[in-house]
Protein backbone atom coordinates (compact mmCIF):
# COMPACT_ATOMS: atom_id res chain seq x y z
CA MET A 1 -5.31 16.66 -14.86
CA THR A 2 -7.71 14.31 -16.53
CA ASN A 3 -9.78 14.28 -19.67
CA THR A 4 -13.37 15.36 -19.03
CA ASN A 5 -14.37 14.36 -22.56
CA GLN A 6 -17.04 17.02 -22.31
CA GLU A 7 -16.83 20.10 -24.51
CA VAL A 8 -18.60 23.18 -23.23
CA THR A 9 -18.47 26.53 -25.05
CA LEU A 10 -19.35 30.06 -24.06
CA SER A 11 -21.17 30.72 -27.31
CA SER A 12 -23.53 27.75 -27.35
CA THR A 13 -26.49 27.17 -25.07
CA GLN A 14 -26.00 23.43 -24.70
CA HIS A 15 -23.77 20.67 -25.94
CA ASP A 16 -25.20 17.38 -27.22
CA GLN A 17 -23.22 14.32 -26.21
CA GLN A 18 -23.73 10.67 -25.43
CA ALA A 19 -23.94 11.35 -21.72
CA GLY A 20 -26.73 13.93 -22.08
CA HIS A 21 -27.22 17.68 -22.46
CA ILE A 22 -25.20 19.99 -20.26
CA PRO A 23 -25.88 23.73 -20.16
CA SER A 24 -22.89 25.70 -21.32
CA THR A 25 -23.50 29.30 -20.37
CA ALA A 26 -20.93 30.51 -17.87
CA THR A 27 -21.51 33.68 -15.94
CA ASP A 28 -20.31 35.03 -12.65
CA SER A 29 -23.32 33.45 -10.95
CA SER A 30 -23.48 29.99 -12.52
CA SER A 31 -21.31 27.25 -13.91
CA PRO A 32 -22.08 24.04 -15.81
CA PHE A 33 -19.48 22.39 -13.57
CA THR A 34 -21.01 23.23 -10.19
CA ASP A 35 -21.72 19.59 -9.37
CA TRP A 36 -18.29 18.35 -10.36
CA ALA A 37 -15.83 17.25 -7.71
CA PHE A 38 -13.15 19.68 -6.60
CA PRO A 39 -10.68 20.47 -8.21
CA PHE A 40 -12.06 19.26 -11.58
CA ASN A 41 -14.81 21.88 -11.38
CA VAL A 42 -12.16 24.59 -10.98
CA TYR A 43 -10.08 23.45 -13.95
CA ALA A 44 -13.09 23.05 -16.24
CA HIS A 45 -14.62 26.41 -15.39
CA ALA A 46 -11.26 28.22 -15.61
CA LEU A 47 -10.70 26.76 -19.09
CA LEU A 48 -14.19 27.78 -20.11
CA LEU A 49 -13.55 31.35 -19.01
CA GLN A 50 -10.05 31.55 -20.49
CA GLU A 51 -10.42 29.60 -23.74
CA GLY A 52 -14.13 29.98 -24.38
CA LYS A 53 -14.35 26.19 -24.43
CA ALA A 54 -13.66 23.28 -22.06
CA ALA A 55 -13.10 20.23 -24.24
CA TYR A 56 -10.51 18.35 -22.18
CA LEU A 57 -8.91 18.41 -18.77
CA HIS A 58 -5.91 16.24 -19.57
CA TYR A 59 -2.39 17.60 -19.85
CA GLY A 60 -1.47 19.47 -22.98
CA LEU A 61 1.90 18.90 -24.66
CA LEU A 62 3.16 22.43 -25.26
CA GLN A 63 6.06 22.44 -27.68
CA ASN A 64 6.39 26.23 -27.45
CA ASP A 65 4.77 29.10 -25.56
CA LYS A 66 2.81 30.27 -28.59
CA VAL A 67 0.59 27.16 -28.68
CA SER A 68 -2.81 27.32 -26.97
CA LEU A 69 -3.63 24.73 -24.34
CA GLN A 70 -6.43 23.37 -26.52
CA ALA A 71 -3.99 22.81 -29.40
CA ALA A 72 -1.52 21.20 -27.00
CA GLN A 73 -4.22 18.85 -25.74
CA GLN A 74 -5.12 17.96 -29.31
CA PHE A 75 -1.45 17.24 -30.01
CA SER A 76 -1.51 14.75 -27.14
CA MET A 77 -4.59 13.08 -28.65
CA ASN A 78 -2.90 12.83 -32.05
CA LEU A 79 0.19 11.32 -30.44
CA LEU A 80 -1.92 8.57 -28.92
CA ARG A 81 -3.82 7.92 -32.12
CA THR A 82 -0.62 7.33 -34.12
CA ARG A 83 0.38 4.57 -31.67
CA LEU A 84 -2.81 2.60 -32.15
CA PRO A 85 -3.06 -0.25 -34.65
CA SER A 86 -4.75 0.58 -37.94
CA PRO A 87 -8.55 0.45 -38.03
CA PRO A 88 -10.77 -1.42 -38.14
CA CYS A 89 -10.08 -3.22 -34.85
CA ARG A 90 -11.42 -3.38 -31.30
CA ILE A 91 -10.00 -0.99 -28.69
CA LEU A 92 -10.74 -0.74 -24.98
CA GLU A 93 -10.38 2.89 -23.92
CA VAL A 94 -10.16 3.70 -20.20
CA SER A 95 -10.44 7.30 -19.08
CA THR A 96 -11.98 9.50 -16.44
CA GLY A 97 -14.39 11.38 -18.65
CA LEU A 98 -17.59 11.40 -20.66
CA ASN A 99 -16.77 9.62 -23.91
CA SER A 100 -15.31 12.19 -26.33
CA VAL A 101 -12.15 10.07 -26.80
CA LEU A 102 -14.41 7.12 -27.53
CA SER A 103 -16.35 9.23 -30.02
CA LEU A 104 -13.20 10.51 -31.71
CA LEU A 105 -11.75 7.02 -32.16
CA SER A 106 -15.07 5.68 -33.39
CA GLN A 107 -15.05 8.33 -36.11
CA CYS A 108 -11.63 7.03 -37.17
CA GLY A 109 -13.09 3.57 -37.85
CA TYR A 110 -12.31 1.78 -34.58
CA GLU A 111 -14.76 -0.37 -32.66
CA VAL A 112 -14.25 1.27 -29.28
CA HIS A 113 -15.48 0.05 -25.92
CA GLY A 114 -15.13 2.64 -23.19
CA ILE A 115 -14.71 2.35 -19.46
CA THR A 116 -15.20 5.95 -18.45
CA ARG A 117 -16.00 7.76 -15.26
CA ASP A 118 -16.74 11.43 -14.91
CA PRO A 119 -14.38 13.46 -12.74
CA GLN A 120 -16.35 13.00 -9.52
CA GLN A 121 -16.10 9.21 -9.85
CA THR A 122 -12.36 8.61 -10.28
CA THR A 123 -12.29 6.30 -7.27
CA ALA A 124 -14.72 3.95 -9.04
CA ILE A 125 -12.65 3.47 -12.18
CA GLN A 126 -10.53 0.66 -10.74
CA GLU A 127 -13.68 -1.20 -9.76
CA SER A 128 -15.05 -0.76 -13.28
CA VAL A 129 -11.88 -2.06 -14.95
CA GLU A 130 -11.69 -5.04 -12.62
CA ALA A 131 -15.34 -5.93 -13.26
CA PHE A 132 -15.13 -5.54 -17.06
CA GLU A 133 -15.60 -8.84 -18.87
CA ALA A 134 -15.15 -9.73 -22.53
CA GLN A 135 -14.02 -12.68 -24.59
CA SER A 136 -10.37 -13.50 -24.02
CA GLU A 137 -7.95 -11.94 -26.54
CA SER A 138 -10.80 -10.02 -28.18
CA PHE A 139 -9.18 -6.55 -28.22
CA LYS A 140 -6.30 -5.39 -30.35
CA ALA A 141 -5.33 -2.52 -28.04
CA LEU A 142 -5.96 -1.16 -24.55
CA LEU A 143 -5.58 2.59 -24.02
CA PHE A 144 -5.28 4.27 -20.62
CA GLN A 145 -5.28 8.06 -20.86
CA GLU A 146 -4.51 9.62 -17.47
CA SER A 147 -6.53 6.87 -15.80
CA ALA A 148 -3.80 4.36 -14.91
CA ARG A 149 -2.88 6.40 -11.84
CA TYR A 150 -6.25 5.50 -10.29
CA ILE A 151 -5.88 1.76 -10.93
CA GLU A 152 -3.75 -0.85 -9.19
CA PRO A 153 -1.08 -1.88 -11.76
CA LEU A 154 -1.66 -5.59 -11.07
CA ILE A 155 -5.24 -5.08 -12.25
CA ILE A 156 -4.11 -3.24 -15.39
CA PHE A 157 -1.69 -5.96 -16.48
CA ASN A 158 -3.98 -8.85 -15.59
CA LYS A 159 -6.77 -7.28 -17.63
CA ALA A 160 -4.40 -6.63 -20.54
CA LEU A 161 -3.08 -10.18 -20.34
CA ASP A 162 -6.60 -11.53 -20.62
CA LEU A 163 -8.03 -9.20 -23.28
CA LEU A 164 -5.07 -8.86 -25.66
CA PRO A 165 -3.74 -11.48 -28.08
CA LEU A 166 -0.02 -11.96 -28.56
CA SER A 167 1.35 -8.75 -30.16
CA GLY A 168 -1.59 -6.77 -28.77
CA ASP A 169 -0.87 -3.19 -27.68
CA LEU A 170 -1.13 -1.67 -24.22
CA ILE A 171 -0.71 2.12 -24.26
CA ILE A 172 -0.51 4.26 -21.14
CA ILE A 173 -0.06 8.03 -21.05
CA ASP A 174 0.09 9.48 -17.56
CA GLU A 175 2.08 11.04 -14.75
CA PHE A 176 4.54 8.88 -12.83
CA ALA A 177 6.87 9.10 -9.87
CA LEU A 178 10.36 8.96 -11.39
CA GLN A 179 12.21 9.13 -8.08
CA GLN A 180 11.01 8.49 -4.54
CA HIS A 181 11.48 11.13 -1.86
CA ASP A 182 13.54 9.99 1.12
CA GLN A 183 10.59 10.61 3.39
CA ALA A 184 7.53 8.75 4.58
CA GLY A 185 4.05 9.18 3.14
CA ILE A 186 2.06 7.54 0.38
CA GLU A 187 2.99 8.72 -3.11
CA ALA A 188 0.09 9.90 -5.26
CA LEU A 189 1.57 8.45 -8.46
CA HIS A 190 2.74 5.03 -9.56
CA SER A 191 6.49 4.49 -9.64
CA LEU A 192 7.62 4.31 -13.27
CA ASN A 193 10.40 1.82 -12.50
CA ASP A 194 8.04 -0.46 -10.58
CA LEU A 195 5.49 -0.35 -13.40
CA LEU A 196 8.11 -1.28 -16.00
CA ALA A 197 9.36 -4.17 -13.85
CA LEU A 198 5.82 -5.46 -13.40
CA ALA A 199 5.14 -5.27 -17.14
CA GLU A 200 8.11 -7.53 -17.80
CA ARG A 201 6.87 -10.07 -15.23
CA PHE A 202 3.57 -10.18 -17.10
CA GLY A 203 5.21 -10.88 -20.45
CA PHE A 204 4.88 -7.36 -21.90
CA GLU A 205 7.69 -5.84 -23.94
CA LEU A 206 8.25 -2.08 -23.77
CA ILE A 207 8.55 -0.99 -27.40
CA GLU A 208 8.39 2.76 -26.81
CA HIS A 209 8.95 5.07 -23.86
CA LEU A 210 8.43 8.76 -24.58
CA ASP A 211 9.45 11.10 -21.77
CA LEU A 212 7.06 14.02 -22.24
CA SER A 213 7.77 15.73 -18.93
CA THR A 214 9.33 18.87 -20.40
CA ILE A 215 6.39 19.67 -22.66
CA ALA A 216 3.70 18.52 -20.19
CA ALA A 217 4.91 20.52 -17.18
CA PRO A 218 3.92 23.94 -18.65
CA THR A 219 0.30 22.84 -18.22
CA LEU A 220 0.83 23.37 -14.49
CA ASP A 221 2.01 26.94 -15.15
CA TYR A 222 -1.09 27.49 -17.25
CA LEU A 223 -3.39 26.21 -14.49
CA LEU A 224 -1.74 28.41 -11.88
CA GLN A 225 -2.11 31.39 -14.19
CA VAL A 226 -5.77 30.93 -15.13
CA THR A 227 -6.93 30.12 -11.60
CA GLN A 228 -5.33 33.36 -10.42
CA ILE A 229 -6.76 35.41 -13.31
CA HIS A 230 -10.29 34.12 -12.71
CA GLN A 231 -10.07 33.65 -8.95
CA GLN A 232 -13.06 35.77 -7.98
CA SER A 233 -15.28 34.33 -10.71
CA LEU A 234 -14.32 30.78 -9.70
CA ILE A 235 -15.07 31.47 -6.06
CA LYS A 236 -18.46 32.99 -6.86
CA SER A 237 -19.61 30.59 -9.58
CA LEU A 238 -18.49 27.41 -7.82
CA ALA A 239 -19.23 28.52 -4.24
CA LEU A 240 -15.61 28.06 -3.21
CA SER A 241 -13.60 29.61 -0.42
CA ASP A 242 -10.34 31.52 -0.76
CA GLU A 243 -8.70 28.77 1.29
CA GLN A 244 -9.71 26.06 -1.20
CA LEU A 245 -8.11 27.88 -4.12
CA THR A 246 -5.04 28.73 -2.04
CA ARG A 247 -4.57 25.04 -1.19
CA LEU A 248 -5.10 24.04 -4.82
CA ASN A 249 -2.51 26.51 -6.05
CA ALA A 250 -0.07 25.34 -3.38
CA SER A 251 -0.60 21.75 -4.52
CA ASN A 252 0.06 22.68 -8.15
CA GLU A 253 3.16 24.62 -7.14
CA LEU A 254 4.42 21.55 -5.27
CA TYR A 255 3.73 19.41 -8.35
CA HIS A 256 5.64 21.94 -10.45
CA LYS A 257 8.63 21.70 -8.10
CA ARG A 258 8.55 17.91 -8.27
CA TYR A 259 8.57 18.08 -12.06
CA ALA A 260 11.50 20.52 -11.94
CA SER A 261 13.44 18.29 -9.53
CA GLY A 262 12.85 15.18 -11.63
CA HIS A 263 10.74 13.42 -9.00
CA TYR A 264 7.60 13.52 -11.15
CA GLY A 265 7.29 13.11 -14.87
CA TYR A 266 4.86 12.54 -17.72
CA ALA A 267 5.33 9.70 -20.16
CA LEU A 268 3.80 7.65 -22.93
CA LEU A 269 4.44 3.93 -22.50
CA HIS A 270 3.74 1.55 -25.38
CA PHE A 271 3.83 -2.13 -24.43
CA ARG A 272 3.30 -5.17 -26.60
CA LYS A 273 2.19 -8.56 -25.32
CA LYS A 274 5.16 -10.78 -26.09
CA THR A 275 4.61 -14.00 -24.14
CA MET A 276 2.13 -15.70 -21.84
CA PRO A 277 3.86 -15.98 -18.44
CA LYS A 278 4.09 -19.35 -16.73
CA TRP A 279 2.69 -17.89 -13.49
CA HIS A 280 0.15 -15.10 -12.98
CA LEU A 281 0.40 -12.56 -10.15
CA ARG A 282 -2.80 -11.22 -8.63
CA ILE A 283 -4.02 -9.57 -5.46
CA LEU A 284 -5.73 -12.30 -3.46
CA GLN A 285 -9.40 -11.50 -2.83
CA GLU A 286 -11.39 -12.55 0.22
CA SER A 287 -13.48 -14.85 -1.97
CA GLN A 288 -10.26 -16.76 -2.73
CA MET A 289 -9.59 -17.54 0.93
CA PRO A 290 -10.38 -21.28 0.46
CA GLU A 291 -7.63 -21.48 -2.19
CA MET A 292 -5.14 -19.91 0.20
CA LEU A 293 -6.12 -22.26 3.03
CA ASP A 294 -5.71 -25.24 0.72
CA LEU A 295 -2.25 -24.03 -0.33
CA PHE A 296 -1.33 -23.45 3.33
CA LYS A 297 -2.17 -27.05 4.16
CA ARG A 298 -0.15 -28.36 1.20
CA ALA A 299 2.83 -26.17 2.11
CA PHE A 300 2.92 -26.63 5.91
CA ASN A 301 1.05 -29.92 6.44
CA HIS A 302 -1.47 -28.45 8.87
CA ASP A 303 -4.62 -26.37 8.65
CA MET A 304 -5.25 -22.66 9.08
CA ALA A 305 -8.73 -21.97 10.41
CA PRO A 306 -10.83 -19.50 8.39
CA ALA A 307 -11.18 -17.41 11.56
CA ILE A 308 -7.39 -17.01 11.71
CA TRP A 309 -7.33 -15.87 8.09
CA GLN A 310 -10.01 -13.29 8.86
CA TRP A 311 -8.11 -12.13 11.94
CA LYS A 312 -4.97 -11.61 9.86
CA TYR A 313 -6.26 -10.44 6.50
CA GLY A 314 -9.91 -9.50 6.92
CA SER A 315 -9.26 -5.79 7.44
CA GLU A 316 -7.78 -3.17 5.11
CA SER A 317 -4.39 -3.60 6.78
CA GLY A 318 -4.06 -7.15 5.44
CA LYS A 319 -2.21 -7.39 2.10
CA LYS A 320 -2.04 -10.57 0.00
CA ILE A 321 -0.40 -11.33 -3.31
CA GLY A 322 -1.04 -14.71 -4.89
CA LEU A 323 0.63 -16.58 -7.72
CA TRP A 324 -1.40 -18.87 -9.97
CA ARG A 325 -0.43 -21.51 -12.49
CA GLY A 326 -3.47 -21.88 -14.64
CA ASN A 327 -6.39 -21.95 -12.24
CA GLN A 328 -4.42 -23.21 -9.23
CA LEU A 329 -2.96 -20.97 -6.54
CA ILE A 330 0.65 -22.10 -6.11
CA GLY A 331 2.15 -19.22 -4.12
CA HIS A 332 1.24 -16.64 -1.48
CA TYR A 333 3.02 -13.66 0.08
CA GLY A 334 1.13 -11.87 2.84
CA GLY A 335 1.51 -8.90 5.14
CA ILE A 336 -0.29 -7.46 8.16
CA GLY A 337 -0.14 -3.70 8.70
CA ARG A 338 1.07 -2.35 12.01
CA ASP A 339 1.28 1.07 13.62
CA ILE A 340 4.80 1.62 14.93
CA LEU A 341 7.06 4.22 16.47
CA PHE A 342 9.95 4.78 14.08
CA PHE A 343 12.67 6.41 16.15
CA GLY A 344 10.00 8.20 18.14
CA GLN A 345 7.78 9.16 15.19
CA PRO A 346 4.43 7.53 14.31
CA GLN A 347 4.77 5.39 11.21
CA ARG A 348 3.35 2.31 9.47
CA ALA A 349 5.09 -1.02 9.04
CA VAL A 350 4.01 -4.38 7.66
CA GLN A 351 4.75 -7.78 9.13
CA ILE A 352 5.46 -10.28 6.38
CA GLY A 353 3.88 -13.69 6.87
CA ASP A 354 2.43 -16.79 5.25
CA VAL A 355 5.09 -16.82 2.54
CA MET A 356 4.71 -20.13 0.75
CA VAL A 357 5.13 -21.88 -2.58
CA ASP A 358 3.62 -25.21 -3.57
CA MET A 359 6.16 -28.01 -3.18
CA ASN A 360 5.94 -28.87 -6.88
CA GLU A 361 6.92 -25.30 -7.88
CA ARG A 362 9.83 -24.63 -5.51
CA GLY A 363 12.67 -25.65 -7.79
CA THR A 364 13.32 -22.24 -9.37
CA LEU A 365 15.08 -20.01 -6.82
CA THR A 366 16.21 -17.36 -9.31
CA ARG A 367 14.73 -14.00 -10.27
CA LYS A 368 12.45 -15.90 -12.64
CA GLY A 369 11.04 -18.13 -9.90
CA PRO A 370 7.79 -17.97 -7.91
CA PHE A 371 9.25 -16.65 -4.66
CA PHE A 372 11.03 -13.74 -6.32
CA LEU A 373 8.01 -12.81 -8.45
CA MET A 374 5.79 -12.57 -5.37
CA ALA A 375 8.31 -10.98 -3.02
CA ALA A 376 9.60 -8.34 -5.44
CA THR A 377 6.06 -7.39 -6.47
CA PHE A 378 4.88 -7.15 -2.85
CA LEU A 379 7.87 -5.03 -1.83
CA GLU A 380 7.39 -2.72 -4.83
CA ARG A 381 3.69 -2.27 -4.16
CA TYR A 382 3.74 -1.79 -0.40
CA ILE A 383 7.12 -1.08 1.26
CA GLY A 384 9.40 1.94 1.13
CA TYR A 385 9.30 5.69 0.55
CA GLY A 386 6.02 6.74 -1.04
CA LYS A 387 4.41 3.36 -0.24
CA PRO A 388 1.73 2.41 2.34
CA TYR A 389 4.37 1.01 4.71
CA LEU A 390 7.77 2.55 5.32
CA VAL A 391 9.41 -0.66 6.54
CA GLY A 392 8.69 -4.35 6.76
CA PHE A 393 9.72 -7.04 9.22
CA GLY A 394 9.16 -10.73 9.70
CA PHE A 395 10.45 -13.98 11.11
CA PRO A 396 11.48 -16.14 8.13
CA ASN A 397 13.21 -19.48 8.50
CA GLU A 398 16.91 -19.51 7.68
CA ARG A 399 16.45 -21.07 4.25
CA ALA A 400 13.97 -18.40 3.14
CA MET A 401 16.17 -15.65 4.56
CA LYS A 402 19.24 -16.86 2.66
CA VAL A 403 17.32 -17.10 -0.62
CA ALA A 404 15.96 -13.56 -0.18
CA GLU A 405 19.44 -12.22 0.62
CA ARG A 406 20.92 -13.90 -2.44
CA LEU A 407 18.19 -12.40 -4.65
CA GLY A 408 18.81 -8.90 -3.28
CA LEU A 409 15.43 -8.63 -1.55
CA TYR A 410 16.36 -8.66 2.15
CA ALA A 411 19.22 -7.78 4.45
CA GLU A 412 19.58 -8.66 8.11
CA ALA A 413 18.21 -6.04 10.53
CA GLY A 414 18.48 -8.00 13.77
CA ARG A 415 18.39 -11.37 15.50
CA MET A 416 16.14 -13.02 18.05
CA ILE A 417 17.46 -14.60 21.25
CA GLU A 418 15.80 -16.50 24.08
CA PHE A 419 16.01 -16.14 27.87
CA SER A 420 14.72 -18.86 30.17
CA TRP A 421 14.22 -19.01 33.95
CA ASN A 422 13.17 -21.55 36.54
CA PRO A 423 9.70 -21.05 38.04
CA ARG A 424 9.48 -19.48 41.53
CA SER A 425 7.36 -20.18 44.53
CA ARG A 426 3.84 -18.83 44.59
CA PHE A 427 4.39 -16.50 47.55
CA PRO A 428 3.32 -12.95 46.62
CA LEU A 429 5.67 -10.00 46.41
CA LEU A 430 5.14 -7.50 49.16
CA GLY A 431 5.22 -4.26 47.18
CA THR A 432 3.17 -5.15 44.09
CA ARG A 433 0.03 -7.01 43.11
CA LEU A 434 -1.46 -8.47 39.93
CA GLN A 435 -4.72 -7.85 38.10
CA LEU A 436 -6.06 -9.97 35.27
CA ILE A 437 -7.09 -7.90 32.24
CA ASP A 438 -9.99 -8.95 30.04
CA ARG A 439 -12.25 -7.10 27.62
CA GLY A 440 -14.62 -6.10 30.39
CA ALA A 441 -11.98 -4.62 32.69
CA ASP A 442 -13.06 -1.02 33.26
CA PHE A 443 -9.58 0.01 34.42
CA ALA A 444 -7.77 -1.47 31.41
CA THR A 445 -7.89 1.39 28.88
CA ARG A 446 -6.23 3.92 31.13
CA ALA A 447 -3.80 1.47 32.74
CA VAL A 448 -2.56 -0.11 29.49
CA ASN A 449 -2.22 3.20 27.67
CA GLU A 450 -0.32 4.65 30.61
CA CYS A 451 2.13 1.73 30.52
CA TRP A 452 2.52 2.12 26.76
CA GLN A 453 3.25 5.84 26.98
CA ARG A 454 5.97 5.20 29.55
CA MET A 455 7.45 2.43 27.39
CA ALA A 456 7.30 4.61 24.28
CA ALA A 457 9.32 7.28 26.08
CA ASP A 458 12.15 4.72 26.36
CA MET A 459 11.99 3.89 22.64
CA GLN A 460 12.96 7.17 21.01
CA THR A 461 15.98 5.55 19.34
CA ALA A 462 14.23 2.31 18.42
CA MET A 463 11.51 0.83 16.22
CA ILE A 464 8.61 -0.74 18.06
CA GLY A 465 5.05 -1.72 17.28
CA VAL A 466 2.42 0.33 19.11
CA ARG A 467 1.20 -1.53 22.20
CA ASP A 468 -1.81 0.46 23.35
CA TRP A 469 -5.16 -0.84 24.61
CA ARG A 470 -6.61 -0.99 21.10
CA TYR A 471 -3.75 -3.19 19.91
CA LEU A 472 -3.89 -5.37 23.02
CA GLN A 473 -7.57 -6.08 22.40
CA TYR A 474 -6.98 -7.03 18.76
CA ARG A 475 -3.82 -9.07 19.20
CA TYR A 476 -4.51 -10.99 22.40
CA LEU A 477 -8.02 -10.56 23.76
CA GLY A 478 -9.55 -10.82 20.29
CA HIS A 479 -7.52 -13.79 19.03
CA PRO A 480 -9.86 -16.38 17.49
CA ASN A 481 -8.52 -19.47 19.25
CA GLN A 482 -5.40 -18.83 21.35
CA PRO A 483 -5.94 -18.03 25.06
CA TYR A 484 -3.52 -15.59 26.68
CA GLN A 485 -3.09 -14.28 30.20
CA VAL A 486 -2.89 -10.50 30.16
CA ILE A 487 -1.66 -9.31 33.55
CA LEU A 488 -1.32 -5.81 34.97
CA VAL A 489 1.33 -5.28 37.64
CA ARG A 490 0.68 -2.36 39.97
CA ASN A 491 1.87 -1.15 43.37
CA ARG A 492 0.07 -2.75 46.28
CA PHE A 493 -0.13 0.60 48.02
CA GLY A 494 -1.10 3.62 45.94
CA GLY A 495 -2.01 1.58 42.84
CA GLU A 496 0.63 3.00 40.48
CA THR A 497 0.92 0.92 37.29
CA ARG A 498 4.28 -0.78 36.76
CA GLY A 499 3.69 -2.74 33.58
CA VAL A 500 1.65 -5.25 31.57
CA MET A 501 2.77 -8.73 30.56
CA VAL A 502 1.13 -11.25 28.25
CA LEU A 503 1.68 -14.94 28.99
CA ARG A 504 1.07 -18.06 26.96
CA HIS A 505 1.12 -21.56 28.45
CA ASP A 506 1.87 -24.61 26.28
CA THR A 507 4.08 -27.70 26.21
CA HIS A 508 7.18 -25.52 25.82
CA GLY A 509 6.48 -23.86 29.18
CA CYS A 510 5.18 -20.44 30.13
CA GLU A 511 6.24 -17.79 27.62
CA ILE A 512 6.27 -14.05 28.12
CA ILE A 513 4.76 -13.20 24.76
CA ASP A 514 4.74 -9.45 25.26
CA ILE A 515 5.69 -6.70 27.68
CA ILE A 516 4.31 -3.17 27.93
CA ALA A 517 6.37 -1.30 30.49
CA PRO A 518 9.32 1.03 30.96
CA LEU A 519 12.54 -0.90 30.39
CA THR A 520 13.56 -0.57 34.05
CA GLU A 521 10.48 -2.59 35.09
CA ILE A 522 11.42 -5.70 33.09
CA PRO A 523 13.12 -7.56 36.01
CA LEU A 524 10.01 -7.02 38.16
CA LEU A 525 7.70 -8.37 35.45
CA VAL A 526 9.95 -11.40 34.92
CA LEU A 527 9.87 -12.09 38.66
CA HIS A 528 6.06 -12.09 38.68
CA ALA A 529 5.97 -14.25 35.55
CA ARG A 530 8.22 -16.81 37.25
CA ARG A 531 5.74 -16.96 40.14
CA LEU A 532 2.83 -17.47 37.75
CA ALA A 533 4.74 -20.18 35.89
CA GLY A 534 5.24 -21.99 39.19
CA MET A 535 1.58 -21.65 40.11
CA SER A 536 0.58 -23.07 36.70
CA GLY A 537 2.93 -26.04 36.98
CA ASP A 538 5.04 -25.01 33.99
CA HIS A 539 8.52 -26.49 33.89
CA ARG A 540 10.10 -23.22 32.81
CA LEU A 541 9.52 -19.56 31.95
CA PHE A 542 11.00 -18.14 28.76
CA CYS A 543 10.78 -15.19 26.40
CA ARG A 544 12.15 -14.21 23.03
CA ILE A 545 13.44 -10.72 22.30
CA THR A 546 15.57 -9.00 19.68
CA GLU A 547 19.22 -9.29 20.66
CA ASN A 548 19.81 -5.55 20.89
CA PHE A 549 17.53 -5.39 23.97
CA ALA A 550 19.09 -8.40 25.70
CA ALA A 551 20.77 -6.34 28.44
CA HIS A 552 17.39 -5.33 29.89
CA PHE A 553 16.47 -9.00 30.40
CA ALA A 554 19.91 -10.12 31.55
CA GLY A 555 19.29 -8.13 34.75
CA ALA A 556 16.61 -10.69 35.63
CA GLY A 557 19.14 -13.54 35.52
CA GLY A 558 18.26 -16.66 33.59
CA ILE A 559 19.93 -18.48 30.73
CA ARG A 560 20.48 -16.83 27.37
CA GLN A 561 20.69 -18.74 24.12
CA ALA A 562 20.89 -17.82 20.44
CA LEU A 563 18.03 -18.60 18.05
CA ASP A 564 18.20 -19.30 14.35
CA ILE A 565 15.82 -16.41 13.61
CA ARG A 566 16.98 -13.30 11.78
CA ILE A 567 14.86 -10.20 11.23
CA PRO A 568 14.81 -9.00 7.60
CA ALA A 569 14.73 -5.49 6.19
CA SER A 570 13.71 -4.86 2.60
CA THR A 571 16.54 -3.80 0.32
CA TRP A 572 14.35 -3.71 -2.79
CA GLY A 573 13.58 -0.29 -4.22
CA ALA A 574 13.61 3.08 -2.45
CA VAL A 575 13.66 2.04 1.21
CA PRO A 576 15.44 3.13 4.40
CA ALA A 577 18.98 1.73 4.36
CA ALA A 578 19.24 -1.60 6.16
CA ASP A 579 22.27 -0.33 8.11
CA SER A 580 20.12 2.44 9.59
CA LEU A 581 17.61 -0.14 10.86
CA ARG A 582 20.01 -2.81 12.10
CA ASP A 583 19.73 -3.58 15.83
CA HIS A 584 16.95 -1.07 16.44
CA TRP A 585 13.84 -3.29 16.47
CA TRP A 586 12.04 -4.27 19.67
CA LEU A 587 10.33 -7.51 18.72
CA MET A 588 8.94 -10.33 20.85
CA SER A 589 6.93 -13.46 20.08
CA GLY A 590 3.76 -11.38 20.24
CA ASP A 591 4.93 -9.48 17.18
CA THR A 592 4.56 -12.67 15.16
CA ASP A 593 1.20 -13.85 13.89
CA PHE A 594 1.75 -17.49 14.89
CA ARG A 595 2.49 -17.49 18.66
């Protein structure tokens, strides 16, 4: 629920408020909440019918079953007010409503600035908070009433860090995820543990944590009851369908179960700004790309082209957390989203990349240091149960891997090995032929997707990135500056597809960057690649593959050697156990962002 900050009564004809005049008569044929977004319109109209008034839509704190919801909501308001510093002082109040909290606090002598959105604009509240500007340290308190759930926590704490002086108060009352389900899917609520950890990294001390779950949960019972009592009136007045109300009730019942099981909860968190942190964590914006490219050059002694940055991070699937000291970016931790098959089931993963810290800031390798601050925050925000990505993977150097293991962030989930072969003569193979694939190839969509489906059938007990035509276009044919050969192998007679291979030629030789084929076709593809390496004048053919799939390449002969590359799995937070992931990845050089 959320606070509408709009009181509408059955007895009055209209209600005067800062936002304007809203008609208040409610009959079976009309509702003052018709234009509100679902389900806020349902809650508001149900309260109006049941209570004769719709003043708030936030949770009530019901200490016993004899208290009305309106009184329970007022109790919640009083609880918040007693946590605020004494007036007069400046308060920033953030809610999803129409200013009645602002009005109430103003009457108490506070100078209140409100960032409010009505219920059909909850998605815009984060944008409003991020864009809000005021003199630094000019507010005594920041209050988030059932609005924090709509805002990225990094934005909340950065704004609080800027606007509050030392000893300033940050107060949040909201629902939280107390435990993560051991299942995939994005959680609707912020993790309480992650939020508390982030607050500490920003220099905020938790001075009070009130678990209000037991007295907030009955609000869900109330909502289920009143929507059932007034079902027909709600359907008629708000032009709803039976199915909409059925789905809403099912959602509230699920919420109720998650409260009962301890997965969800309701809490008041009172933080106080204790220190100014040495480093500041923020989500890196596209406008800050030049800062990242400058840091990349300082860290790795070579340039990243802006086009490569756009290719990696320009879409919604690119995630970037930066670390600043003053106005200078000194650290970066990035990730690129990837569709995968997770033991045969569609899932999302993120490939970690461009992890770097300025040379002058690398000395602290503890849980207070730059690397840990970025890595732990990224893992908490994006990876695990209830997060955008179920698992992560990457290709860190051995030093970075050891540091992450020691800090409890990563565990080993696999190793990379290399096979190499001598080139072959250019004479064609009798039974099969090759076709070059480019963006204009009219046969490519069907042929590549067919090869991928046959490969996917072999990967029911593995984890593998999706390798369909869409991915092939993005990763190889759409790369900003690296040319690849994308080759389809098919039968010379009959035209049946056998597999796709992606080759890269450089001073190291000809590399099989990627393969899309049933596992039994790997020796055939290697044989053709050896021919192409010979035709190109390469001194060798090689490929890199996770060690657990080595046997499928060993059948093609060649020389096998170990590589100093280990594949990490996140061990931070509620994530699939590293042991359950170990030796199940199919990864090749094409799964990196740098080959």
